[in-house]
PDB file of all heavy atoms in Angstrom:
ATOM      1  N   VAL A   1     170.600 -11.356-131.620  1.00  0.00           N
ATOM      2  CA  VAL A   1     171.542 -11.684-130.642  1.00  0.00           C
ATOM      3  C   VAL A   1     171.013 -12.214-129.383  1.00  0.00           C
ATOM      4  O   VAL A   1     171.731 -12.888-128.559  1.00  0.00           O
ATOM      5  CB  VAL A   1     172.448 -10.479-130.344  1.00  0.00           C
ATOM      6  CG1 VAL A   1     173.192 -10.017-131.630  1.00  0.00           C
ATOM      7  CG2 VAL A   1     171.655  -9.317-129.751  1.00  0.00           C
ATOM      8  N   PHE A   2     169.749 -11.896-129.088  1.00  0.00           N
ATOM      9  CA  PHE A   2     169.172 -12.356-127.741  1.00  0.00           C
ATOM     10  C   PHE A   2     169.298 -13.828-127.508  1.00  0.00           C
ATOM     11  O   PHE A   2     169.694 -14.297-126.392  1.00  0.00           O
ATOM     12  CB  PHE A   2     167.684 -11.963-127.621  1.00  0.00           C
ATOM     13  CG  PHE A   2     167.116 -12.207-126.315  1.00  0.00           C
ATOM     14  CD1 PHE A   2     167.495 -11.484-125.180  1.00  0.00           C
ATOM     15  CD2 PHE A   2     166.246 -13.271-126.113  1.00  0.00           C
ATOM     16  CE1 PHE A   2     167.027 -11.785-123.942  1.00  0.00           C
ATOM     17  CE2 PHE A   2     165.662 -13.528-124.907  1.00  0.00           C
ATOM     18  CZ  PHE A   2     166.129 -12.891-123.765  1.00  0.00           C
ATOM     19  N   PRO A   3     168.846 -14.793-128.456  1.00  0.00           N
ATOM     20  CA  PRO A   3     169.028 -16.242-128.135  1.00  0.00           C
ATOM     21  C   PRO A   3     170.477 -16.665-127.913  1.00  0.00           C
ATOM     22  O   PRO A   3     170.851 -17.517-127.130  1.00  0.00           O
ATOM     23  CB  PRO A   3     168.407 -16.937-129.350  1.00  0.00           C
ATOM     24  CG  PRO A   3     167.700 -15.906-130.080  1.00  0.00           C
ATOM     25  CD  PRO A   3     168.224 -14.588-129.730  1.00  0.00           C
ATOM     26  N   VAL A   4     171.413 -16.018-128.654  1.00  0.00           N
ATOM     27  CA  VAL A   4     172.800 -16.363-128.537  1.00  0.00           C
ATOM     28  C   VAL A   4     173.301 -15.912-127.122  1.00  0.00           C
ATOM     29  O   VAL A   4     173.985 -16.716-126.445  1.00  0.00           O
ATOM     30  CB  VAL A   4     173.670 -15.696-129.627  1.00  0.00           C
ATOM     31  CG1 VAL A   4     175.097 -15.958-129.472  1.00  0.00           C
ATOM     32  CG2 VAL A   4     173.145 -16.153-131.023  1.00  0.00           C
ATOM     33  N   ILE A   5     172.855 -14.705-126.698  1.00  0.00           N
ATOM     34  CA  ILE A   5     173.342 -14.250-125.316  1.00  0.00           C
ATOM     35  C   ILE A   5     172.832 -15.124-124.332  1.00  0.00           C
ATOM     36  O   ILE A   5     173.468 -15.478-123.317  1.00  0.00           O
ATOM     37  CB  ILE A   5     172.995 -12.781-125.203  1.00  0.00           C
ATOM     38  CG1 ILE A   5     173.787 -11.874-126.135  1.00  0.00           C
ATOM     39  CG2 ILE A   5     173.162 -12.305-123.765  1.00  0.00           C
ATOM     40  CD1 ILE A   5     173.437 -10.460-126.186  1.00  0.00           C
ATOM     41  N   MET A   6     171.473 -15.520-124.396  1.00  0.00           N
ATOM     42  CA  MET A   6     170.889 -16.353-123.356  1.00  0.00           C
ATOM     43  C   MET A   6     171.617 -17.733-123.273  1.00  0.00           C
ATOM     44  O   MET A   6     171.870 -18.212-122.240  1.00  0.00           O
ATOM     45  CB  MET A   6     169.417 -16.606-123.629  1.00  0.00           C
ATOM     46  CG  MET A   6     168.598 -15.427-123.426  1.00  0.00           C
ATOM     47  SD  MET A   6     168.811 -14.596-121.789  1.00  0.00           S
ATOM     48  CE  MET A   6     168.223 -15.718-120.755  1.00  0.00           C
ATOM     49  N   GLY A   7     172.048 -18.240-124.506  1.00  0.00           N
ATOM     50  CA  GLY A   7     172.814 -19.452-124.498  1.00  0.00           C
ATOM     51  C   GLY A   7     174.209 -19.289-123.917  1.00  0.00           C
ATOM     52  O   GLY A   7     174.709 -20.074-123.105  1.00  0.00           O
ATOM     53  N   LEU A   8     174.841 -18.144-124.143  1.00  0.00           N
ATOM     54  CA  LEU A   8     176.120 -17.892-123.559  1.00  0.00           C
ATOM     55  C   LEU A   8     176.147 -17.747-122.016  1.00  0.00           C
ATOM     56  O   LEU A   8     176.878 -18.383-121.330  1.00  0.00           O
ATOM     57  CB  LEU A   8     176.640 -16.533-124.133  1.00  0.00           C
ATOM     58  CG  LEU A   8     177.241 -16.565-125.532  1.00  0.00           C
ATOM     59  CD1 LEU A   8     177.532 -15.218-125.962  1.00  0.00           C
ATOM     60  CD2 LEU A   8     178.485 -17.401-125.612  1.00  0.00           C
ATOM     61  N   TYR A   9     175.105 -17.029-121.585  1.00  0.00           N
ATOM     62  CA  TYR A   9     175.001 -16.852-120.076  1.00  0.00           C
ATOM     63  C   TYR A   9     174.555 -18.131-119.402  1.00  0.00           C
ATOM     64  O   TYR A   9     175.040 -18.376-118.217  1.00  0.00           O
ATOM     65  CB  TYR A   9     174.153 -15.725-119.743  1.00  0.00           C
ATOM     66  CG  TYR A   9     174.771 -14.356-120.019  1.00  0.00           C
ATOM     67  CD1 TYR A   9     174.055 -13.249-120.387  1.00  0.00           C
ATOM     68  CD2 TYR A   9     176.138 -14.226-120.000  1.00  0.00           C
ATOM     69  CE1 TYR A   9     174.583 -12.116-120.650  1.00  0.00           C
ATOM     70  CE2 TYR A   9     176.743 -12.981-120.363  1.00  0.00           C
ATOM     71  CZ  TYR A   9     175.958 -11.886-120.592  1.00  0.00           C
ATOM     72  OH  TYR A   9     176.520 -10.670-120.909  1.00  0.00           O
ATOM     73  N   SER A  10     173.815 -18.962-120.023  1.00  0.00           N
ATOM     74  CA  SER A  10     173.449 -20.238-119.434  1.00  0.00           C
ATOM     75  C   SER A  10     174.685 -21.089-119.364  1.00  0.00           C
ATOM     76  O   SER A  10     174.886 -21.787-118.308  1.00  0.00           O
ATOM     77  CB  SER A  10     172.416 -20.939-120.136  1.00  0.00           C
ATOM     78  OG  SER A  10     171.230 -20.155-120.244  1.00  0.00           O
ATOM     79  N   LEU A  11     175.492 -21.189-120.394  1.00  0.00           N
ATOM     80  CA  LEU A  11     176.717 -21.940-120.432  1.00  0.00           C
ATOM     81  C   LEU A  11     177.672 -21.358-119.471  1.00  0.00           C
ATOM     82  O   LEU A  11     178.417 -22.085-118.814  1.00  0.00           O
ATOM     83  CB  LEU A  11     177.236 -21.936-121.853  1.00  0.00           C
ATOM     84  CG  LEU A  11     178.478 -22.829-122.162  1.00  0.00           C
ATOM     85  CD1 LEU A  11     178.112 -24.253-121.989  1.00  0.00           C
ATOM     86  CD2 LEU A  11     178.970 -22.508-123.561  1.00  0.00           C
ATOM     87  N   TYR A  12     177.772 -20.039-119.307  1.00  0.00           N
ATOM     88  CA  TYR A  12     178.715 -19.428-118.410  1.00  0.00           C
ATOM     89  C   TYR A  12     178.354 -19.838-116.922  1.00  0.00           C
ATOM     90  O   TYR A  12     179.236 -20.165-116.152  1.00  0.00           O
ATOM     91  CB  TYR A  12     178.578 -17.903-118.509  1.00  0.00           C
ATOM     92  CG  TYR A  12     179.480 -17.091-117.611  1.00  0.00           C
ATOM     93  CD1 TYR A  12     180.818 -17.155-117.710  1.00  0.00           C
ATOM     94  CD2 TYR A  12     178.912 -16.194-116.693  1.00  0.00           C
ATOM     95  CE1 TYR A  12     181.634 -16.491-116.876  1.00  0.00           C
ATOM     96  CE2 TYR A  12     179.691 -15.435-115.846  1.00  0.00           C
ATOM     97  CZ  TYR A  12     181.067 -15.577-115.964  1.00  0.00           C
ATOM     98  OH  TYR A  12     181.882 -14.806-115.135  1.00  0.00           O
ATOM     99  N   TYR A  13     177.048 -19.899-116.602  1.00  0.00           N
ATOM    100  CA  TYR A  13     176.632 -20.327-115.277  1.00  0.00           C
ATOM    101  C   TYR A  13     177.102 -21.787-114.999  1.00  0.00           C
ATOM    102  O   TYR A  13     177.591 -22.075-113.948  1.00  0.00           O
ATOM    103  CB  TYR A  13     175.062 -20.198-115.126  1.00  0.00           C
ATOM    104  CG  TYR A  13     174.559 -20.779-113.902  1.00  0.00           C
ATOM    105  CD1 TYR A  13     174.812 -20.036-112.732  1.00  0.00           C
ATOM    106  CD2 TYR A  13     173.843 -21.978-113.780  1.00  0.00           C
ATOM    107  CE1 TYR A  13     174.302 -20.486-111.480  1.00  0.00           C
ATOM    108  CE2 TYR A  13     173.359 -22.361-112.600  1.00  0.00           C
ATOM    109  CZ  TYR A  13     173.558 -21.696-111.447  1.00  0.00           C
ATOM    110  OH  TYR A  13     173.156 -22.158-110.303  1.00  0.00           O
ATOM    111  N   VAL A  14     176.843 -22.605-115.917  1.00  0.00           N
ATOM    112  CA  VAL A  14     177.270 -24.105-115.818  1.00  0.00           C
ATOM    113  C   VAL A  14     178.762 -24.111-115.659  1.00  0.00           C
ATOM    114  O   VAL A  14     179.269 -24.909-114.779  1.00  0.00           O
ATOM    115  CB  VAL A  14     176.844 -24.924-116.958  1.00  0.00           C
ATOM    116  CG1 VAL A  14     177.378 -26.295-116.956  1.00  0.00           C
ATOM    117  CG2 VAL A  14     175.270 -24.998-117.028  1.00  0.00           C
ATOM    118  N   ALA A  15     179.525 -23.285-116.421  1.00  0.00           N
ATOM    119  CA  ALA A  15     181.009 -23.357-116.353  1.00  0.00           C
ATOM    120  C   ALA A  15     181.505 -22.869-114.955  1.00  0.00           C
ATOM    121  O   ALA A  15     182.471 -23.325-114.403  1.00  0.00           O
ATOM    122  CB  ALA A  15     181.675 -22.512-117.363  1.00  0.00           C
ATOM    123  N   ILE A  16     180.767 -21.863-114.339  1.00  0.00           N
ATOM    124  CA  ILE A  16     181.163 -21.366-113.047  1.00  0.00           C
ATOM    125  C   ILE A  16     180.996 -22.376-111.992  1.00  0.00           C
ATOM    126  O   ILE A  16     181.809 -22.449-111.141  1.00  0.00           O
ATOM    127  CB  ILE A  16     180.307 -20.096-112.721  1.00  0.00           C
ATOM    128  CG1 ILE A  16     180.768 -18.927-113.511  1.00  0.00           C
ATOM    129  CG2 ILE A  16     180.392 -19.784-111.257  1.00  0.00           C
ATOM    130  CD1 ILE A  16     179.958 -17.688-113.337  1.00  0.00           C
ATOM    131  N   LEU A  17     180.058 -23.258-112.157  1.00  0.00           N
ATOM    132  CA  LEU A  17     179.779 -24.283-111.121  1.00  0.00           C
ATOM    133  C   LEU A  17     180.951 -25.336-111.054  1.00  0.00           C
ATOM    134  O   LEU A  17     181.176 -26.035-110.116  1.00  0.00           O
ATOM    135  CB  LEU A  17     178.557 -25.055-111.533  1.00  0.00           C
ATOM    136  CG  LEU A  17     177.276 -24.252-111.291  1.00  0.00           C
ATOM    137  CD1 LEU A  17     176.071 -25.118-111.716  1.00  0.00           C
ATOM    138  CD2 LEU A  17     177.044 -23.786-109.956  1.00  0.00           C
ATOM    139  N   THR A  18     181.822 -25.362-112.018  1.00  0.00           N
ATOM    140  CA  THR A  18     183.048 -26.285-112.016  1.00  0.00           C
ATOM    141  C   THR A  18     184.054 -25.758-111.024  1.00  0.00           C
ATOM    142  O   THR A  18     184.915 -26.545-110.601  1.00  0.00           O
ATOM    143  CB  THR A  18     183.680 -26.378-113.427  1.00  0.00           C
ATOM    144  OG1 THR A  18     184.210 -25.098-113.741  1.00  0.00           O
ATOM    145  CG2 THR A  18     182.657 -26.907-114.451  1.00  0.00           C
ATOM    146  N   GLY A  19     183.928 -24.530-110.639  1.00  0.00           N
ATOM    147  CA  GLY A  19     184.811 -23.914-109.611  1.00  0.00           C
ATOM    148  C   GLY A  19     184.785 -24.646-108.213  1.00  0.00           C
ATOM    149  O   GLY A  19     185.635 -24.429-107.432  1.00  0.00           O
ATOM    150  N   HIS A  20     183.768 -25.476-108.016  1.00  0.00           N
ATOM    151  CA  HIS A  20     183.746 -26.189-106.765  1.00  0.00           C
ATOM    152  C   HIS A  20     184.511 -27.462-106.699  1.00  0.00           C
ATOM    153  O   HIS A  20     184.956 -27.985-105.598  1.00  0.00           O
ATOM    154  CB  HIS A  20     182.192 -26.625-106.494  1.00  0.00           C
ATOM    155  CG  HIS A  20     181.376 -25.389-106.413  1.00  0.00           C
ATOM    156  ND1 HIS A  20     181.436 -24.544-105.259  1.00  0.00           N
ATOM    157  CD2 HIS A  20     180.412 -24.861-107.187  1.00  0.00           C
ATOM    158  CE1 HIS A  20     180.517 -23.582-105.404  1.00  0.00           C
ATOM    159  NE2 HIS A  20     179.924 -23.741-106.610  1.00  0.00           N
ATOM    160  N   PHE A  21     184.791 -28.022-107.918  1.00  0.00           N
ATOM    161  CA  PHE A  21     185.605 -29.343-107.948  1.00  0.00           C
ATOM    162  C   PHE A  21     186.794 -29.298-108.670  1.00  0.00           C
ATOM    163  O   PHE A  21     187.758 -30.016-108.444  1.00  0.00           O
ATOM    164  CB  PHE A  21     184.646 -30.473-108.283  1.00  0.00           C
ATOM    165  CG  PHE A  21     184.088 -30.377-109.609  1.00  0.00           C
ATOM    166  CD1 PHE A  21     184.792 -30.894-110.744  1.00  0.00           C
ATOM    167  CD2 PHE A  21     182.835 -29.817-109.789  1.00  0.00           C
ATOM    168  CE1 PHE A  21     184.223 -30.842-111.935  1.00  0.00           C
ATOM    169  CE2 PHE A  21     182.331 -29.773-111.087  1.00  0.00           C
ATOM    170  CZ  PHE A  21     183.010 -30.240-112.090  1.00  0.00           C
ATOM    171  N   LEU A  22     186.917 -28.561-109.816  1.00  0.00           N
ATOM    172  CA  LEU A  22     188.127 -28.563-110.631  1.00  0.00           C
ATOM    173  C   LEU A  22     189.366 -28.191-109.995  1.00  0.00           C
ATOM    174  O   LEU A  22     190.431 -28.738-110.234  1.00  0.00           O
ATOM    175  CB  LEU A  22     187.887 -27.783-111.943  1.00  0.00           C
ATOM    176  CG  LEU A  22     186.986 -28.422-113.012  1.00  0.00           C
ATOM    177  CD1 LEU A  22     186.863 -27.488-114.240  1.00  0.00           C
ATOM    178  CD2 LEU A  22     187.468 -29.714-113.442  1.00  0.00           C
ATOM    179  N   PRO A  23     189.433 -27.131-109.187  1.00  0.00           N
ATOM    180  CA  PRO A  23     190.603 -26.686-108.471  1.00  0.00           C
ATOM    181  C   PRO A  23     191.187 -27.787-107.589  1.00  0.00           C
ATOM    182  O   PRO A  23     192.431 -27.944-107.557  1.00  0.00           O
ATOM    183  CB  PRO A  23     190.201 -25.429-107.668  1.00  0.00           C
ATOM    184  CG  PRO A  23     189.009 -24.939-108.337  1.00  0.00           C
ATOM    185  CD  PRO A  23     188.352 -26.104-108.922  1.00  0.00           C
ATOM    186  N   ASP A  24     190.323 -28.558-106.975  1.00  0.00           N
ATOM    187  CA  ASP A  24     190.817 -29.636-106.103  1.00  0.00           C
ATOM    188  C   ASP A  24     191.281 -30.803-106.897  1.00  0.00           C
ATOM    189  O   ASP A  24     192.199 -31.483-106.528  1.00  0.00           O
ATOM    190  CB  ASP A  24     189.759 -30.111-105.114  1.00  0.00           C
ATOM    191  CG  ASP A  24     189.357 -28.903-104.108  1.00  0.00           C
ATOM    192  OD1 ASP A  24     190.208 -28.152-103.904  1.00  0.00           O
ATOM    193  OD2 ASP A  24     188.132 -28.981-103.704  1.00  0.00           O
ATOM    194  N   MET A  25     190.704 -31.045-108.122  1.00  0.00           N
ATOM    195  CA  MET A  25     191.173 -32.168-108.889  1.00  0.00           C
ATOM    196  C   MET A  25     192.452 -31.897-109.621  1.00  0.00           C
ATOM    197  O   MET A  25     193.284 -32.803-109.768  1.00  0.00           O
ATOM    198  CB  MET A  25     190.069 -32.524-110.006  1.00  0.00           C
ATOM    199  CG  MET A  25     188.796 -33.047-109.332  1.00  0.00           C
ATOM    200  SD  MET A  25     187.529 -33.362-110.519  1.00  0.00           S
ATOM    201  CE  MET A  25     188.257 -34.421-111.672  1.00  0.00           C
ATOM    202  N   TYR A  26     192.620 -30.684-110.234  1.00  0.00           N
ATOM    203  CA  TYR A  26     193.715 -30.414-111.141  1.00  0.00           C
ATOM    204  C   TYR A  26     194.741 -29.368-110.623  1.00  0.00           C
ATOM    205  O   TYR A  26     195.715 -29.164-111.232  1.00  0.00           O
ATOM    206  CB  TYR A  26     193.238 -29.993-112.558  1.00  0.00           C
ATOM    207  CG  TYR A  26     192.443 -31.033-113.165  1.00  0.00           C
ATOM    208  CD1 TYR A  26     191.062 -31.022-113.245  1.00  0.00           C
ATOM    209  CD2 TYR A  26     193.017 -32.186-113.651  1.00  0.00           C
ATOM    210  CE1 TYR A  26     190.240 -31.920-113.838  1.00  0.00           C
ATOM    211  CE2 TYR A  26     192.254 -33.210-114.289  1.00  0.00           C
ATOM    212  CZ  TYR A  26     190.879 -33.078-114.332  1.00  0.00           C
ATOM    213  OH  TYR A  26     190.194 -34.087-114.974  1.00  0.00           O
ATOM    214  N   GLY A  27     194.312 -28.579-109.630  1.00  0.00           N
ATOM    215  CA  GLY A  27     195.164 -27.540-109.106  1.00  0.00           C
ATOM    216  C   GLY A  27     194.777 -26.237-109.665  1.00  0.00           C
ATOM    217  O   GLY A  27     194.236 -26.106-110.847  1.00  0.00           O
ATOM    218  N   ARG A  28     195.132 -25.136-108.955  1.00  0.00           N
ATOM    219  CA  ARG A  28     194.728 -23.801-109.387  1.00  0.00           C
ATOM    220  C   ARG A  28     195.580 -23.263-110.519  1.00  0.00           C
ATOM    221  O   ARG A  28     195.040 -22.703-111.490  1.00  0.00           O
ATOM    222  CB  ARG A  28     194.812 -22.900-108.206  1.00  0.00           C
ATOM    223  CG  ARG A  28     193.755 -23.084-107.202  1.00  0.00           C
ATOM    224  CD  ARG A  28     194.185 -22.779-105.790  1.00  0.00           C
ATOM    225  NE  ARG A  28     193.211 -22.843-104.798  1.00  0.00           N
ATOM    226  CZ  ARG A  28     192.637 -23.953-104.305  1.00  0.00           C
ATOM    227  NH1 ARG A  28     192.941 -25.204-104.892  1.00  0.00           N
ATOM    228  NH2 ARG A  28     191.667 -24.014-103.405  1.00  0.00           N
ATOM    229  N   ARG A  29     196.863 -23.493-110.480  1.00  0.00           N
ATOM    230  CA  ARG A  29     197.769 -22.911-111.450  1.00  0.00           C
ATOM    231  C   ARG A  29     197.485 -23.409-112.800  1.00  0.00           C
ATOM    232  O   ARG A  29     197.400 -22.581-113.772  1.00  0.00           O
ATOM    233  CB  ARG A  29     199.197 -23.225-111.054  1.00  0.00           C
ATOM    234  CG  ARG A  29     200.270 -22.595-111.975  1.00  0.00           C
ATOM    235  CD  ARG A  29     201.613 -22.861-111.512  1.00  0.00           C
ATOM    236  NE  ARG A  29     201.838 -22.277-110.227  1.00  0.00           N
ATOM    237  CZ  ARG A  29     202.802 -22.579-109.446  1.00  0.00           C
ATOM    238  NH1 ARG A  29     203.673 -23.412-109.701  1.00  0.00           N
ATOM    239  NH2 ARG A  29     202.889 -21.978-108.245  1.00  0.00           N
ATOM    240  N   ILE A  30     197.325 -24.682-113.061  1.00  0.00           N
ATOM    241  CA  ILE A  30     197.190 -25.235-114.419  1.00  0.00           C
ATOM    242  C   ILE A  30     195.811 -24.753-115.009  1.00  0.00           C
ATOM    243  O   ILE A  30     195.787 -24.436-116.135  1.00  0.00           O
ATOM    244  CB  ILE A  30     197.352 -26.793-114.411  1.00  0.00           C
ATOM    245  CG1 ILE A  30     197.378 -27.374-115.836  1.00  0.00           C
ATOM    246  CG2 ILE A  30     196.165 -27.416-113.590  1.00  0.00           C
ATOM    247  CD1 ILE A  30     198.598 -27.052-116.539  1.00  0.00           C
ATOM    248  N   ILE A  31     194.802 -24.682-114.033  1.00  0.00           N
ATOM    249  CA  ILE A  31     193.485 -24.226-114.666  1.00  0.00           C
ATOM    250  C   ILE A  31     193.583 -22.769-115.072  1.00  0.00           C
ATOM    251  O   ILE A  31     193.152 -22.320-116.114  1.00  0.00           O
ATOM    252  CB  ILE A  31     192.402 -24.471-113.682  1.00  0.00           C
ATOM    253  CG1 ILE A  31     192.206 -25.999-113.482  1.00  0.00           C
ATOM    254  CG2 ILE A  31     191.112 -23.819-114.093  1.00  0.00           C
ATOM    255  CD1 ILE A  31     191.186 -26.342-112.395  1.00  0.00           C
ATOM    256  N   LEU A  32     194.203 -21.887-114.195  1.00  0.00           N
ATOM    257  CA  LEU A  32     194.314 -20.506-114.451  1.00  0.00           C
ATOM    258  C   LEU A  32     195.115 -20.279-115.778  1.00  0.00           C
ATOM    259  O   LEU A  32     194.772 -19.420-116.600  1.00  0.00           O
ATOM    260  CB  LEU A  32     194.860 -19.697-113.336  1.00  0.00           C
ATOM    261  CG  LEU A  32     193.931 -19.458-112.187  1.00  0.00           C
ATOM    262  CD1 LEU A  32     194.684 -18.815-110.979  1.00  0.00           C
ATOM    263  CD2 LEU A  32     192.840 -18.592-112.603  1.00  0.00           C
ATOM    264  N   MET A  33     196.282 -20.896-115.882  1.00  0.00           N
ATOM    265  CA  MET A  33     197.175 -20.667-117.065  1.00  0.00           C
ATOM    266  C   MET A  33     196.485 -21.231-118.287  1.00  0.00           C
ATOM    267  O   MET A  33     196.516 -20.492-119.361  1.00  0.00           O
ATOM    268  CB  MET A  33     198.566 -21.297-116.806  1.00  0.00           C
ATOM    269  CG  MET A  33     199.352 -20.589-115.752  1.00  0.00           C
ATOM    270  SD  MET A  33     201.070 -21.014-115.600  1.00  0.00           S
ATOM    271  CE  MET A  33     201.030 -22.809-115.503  1.00  0.00           C
ATOM    272  N   SER A  34     195.908 -22.368-118.260  1.00  0.00           N
ATOM    273  CA  SER A  34     195.307 -22.957-119.490  1.00  0.00           C
ATOM    274  C   SER A  34     194.168 -22.231-119.924  1.00  0.00           C
ATOM    275  O   SER A  34     193.950 -21.868-121.133  1.00  0.00           O
ATOM    276  CB  SER A  34     195.020 -24.485-119.291  1.00  0.00           C
ATOM    277  OG  SER A  34     194.023 -24.569-118.288  1.00  0.00           O
ATOM    278  N   THR A  35     193.206 -21.813-119.008  1.00  0.00           N
ATOM    279  CA  THR A  35     192.057 -21.049-119.508  1.00  0.00           C
ATOM    280  C   THR A  35     192.486 -19.634-119.937  1.00  0.00           C
ATOM    281  O   THR A  35     191.823 -19.059-120.804  1.00  0.00           O
ATOM    282  CB  THR A  35     191.082 -20.915-118.260  1.00  0.00           C
ATOM    283  OG1 THR A  35     191.653 -20.324-117.109  1.00  0.00           O
ATOM    284  CG2 THR A  35     190.495 -22.217-117.943  1.00  0.00           C
ATOM    285  N   GLY A  36     193.515 -18.989-119.254  1.00  0.00           N
ATOM    286  CA  GLY A  36     193.941 -17.694-119.750  1.00  0.00           C
ATOM    287  C   GLY A  36     194.519 -17.727-121.162  1.00  0.00           C
ATOM    288  O   GLY A  36     194.166 -16.876-121.958  1.00  0.00           O
ATOM    289  N   VAL A  37     195.335 -18.803-121.411  1.00  0.00           N
ATOM    290  CA  VAL A  37     195.863 -18.917-122.787  1.00  0.00           C
ATOM    291  C   VAL A  37     194.726 -19.227-123.809  1.00  0.00           C
ATOM    292  O   VAL A  37     194.697 -18.674-124.886  1.00  0.00           O
ATOM    293  CB  VAL A  37     196.895 -20.043-122.851  1.00  0.00           C
ATOM    294  CG1 VAL A  37     197.276 -20.442-124.259  1.00  0.00           C
ATOM    295  CG2 VAL A  37     198.150 -19.568-122.019  1.00  0.00           C
ATOM    296  N   PHE A  38     193.730 -20.071-123.424  1.00  0.00           N
ATOM    297  CA  PHE A  38     192.709 -20.493-124.284  1.00  0.00           C
ATOM    298  C   PHE A  38     191.788 -19.242-124.608  1.00  0.00           C
ATOM    299  O   PHE A  38     191.446 -19.024-125.779  1.00  0.00           O
ATOM    300  CB  PHE A  38     191.867 -21.543-123.664  1.00  0.00           C
ATOM    301  CG  PHE A  38     190.822 -22.168-124.602  1.00  0.00           C
ATOM    302  CD1 PHE A  38     191.263 -22.999-125.652  1.00  0.00           C
ATOM    303  CD2 PHE A  38     189.466 -21.845-124.505  1.00  0.00           C
ATOM    304  CE1 PHE A  38     190.295 -23.517-126.471  1.00  0.00           C
ATOM    305  CE2 PHE A  38     188.586 -22.284-125.375  1.00  0.00           C
ATOM    306  CZ  PHE A  38     188.950 -23.171-126.407  1.00  0.00           C
ATOM    307  N   CYS A  39     191.429 -18.413-123.533  1.00  0.00           N
ATOM    308  CA  CYS A  39     190.660 -17.240-123.673  1.00  0.00           C
ATOM    309  C   CYS A  39     191.326 -16.188-124.654  1.00  0.00           C
ATOM    310  O   CYS A  39     190.758 -15.611-125.584  1.00  0.00           O
ATOM    311  CB  CYS A  39     190.347 -16.555-122.351  1.00  0.00           C
ATOM    312  SG  CYS A  39     189.077 -17.315-121.349  1.00  0.00           S
ATOM    313  N   GLY A  40     192.574 -16.045-124.486  1.00  0.00           N
ATOM    314  CA  GLY A  40     193.370 -15.189-125.299  1.00  0.00           C
ATOM    315  C   GLY A  40     193.416 -15.654-126.748  1.00  0.00           C
ATOM    316  O   GLY A  40     193.310 -14.774-127.684  1.00  0.00           O
ATOM    317  N   THR A  41     193.598 -16.890-126.973  1.00  0.00           N
ATOM    318  CA  THR A  41     193.634 -17.398-128.341  1.00  0.00           C
ATOM    319  C   THR A  41     192.363 -17.357-129.040  1.00  0.00           C
ATOM    320  O   THR A  41     192.299 -16.914-130.184  1.00  0.00           O
ATOM    321  CB  THR A  41     194.029 -18.961-128.244  1.00  0.00           C
ATOM    322  OG1 THR A  41     195.373 -19.147-127.595  1.00  0.00           O
ATOM    323  CG2 THR A  41     194.106 -19.542-129.650  1.00  0.00           C
TER     324      THR A  41
END
């Protein structure tokens, strides 16, 4: 599991960096709702 976890956390870090520009481009509501539905699915 170690290589998989390292890949997951590296990807998580890159995804967090999108928080600097995605909310301004698309809005907060659409991102929160779509990611919430996607995570649940």
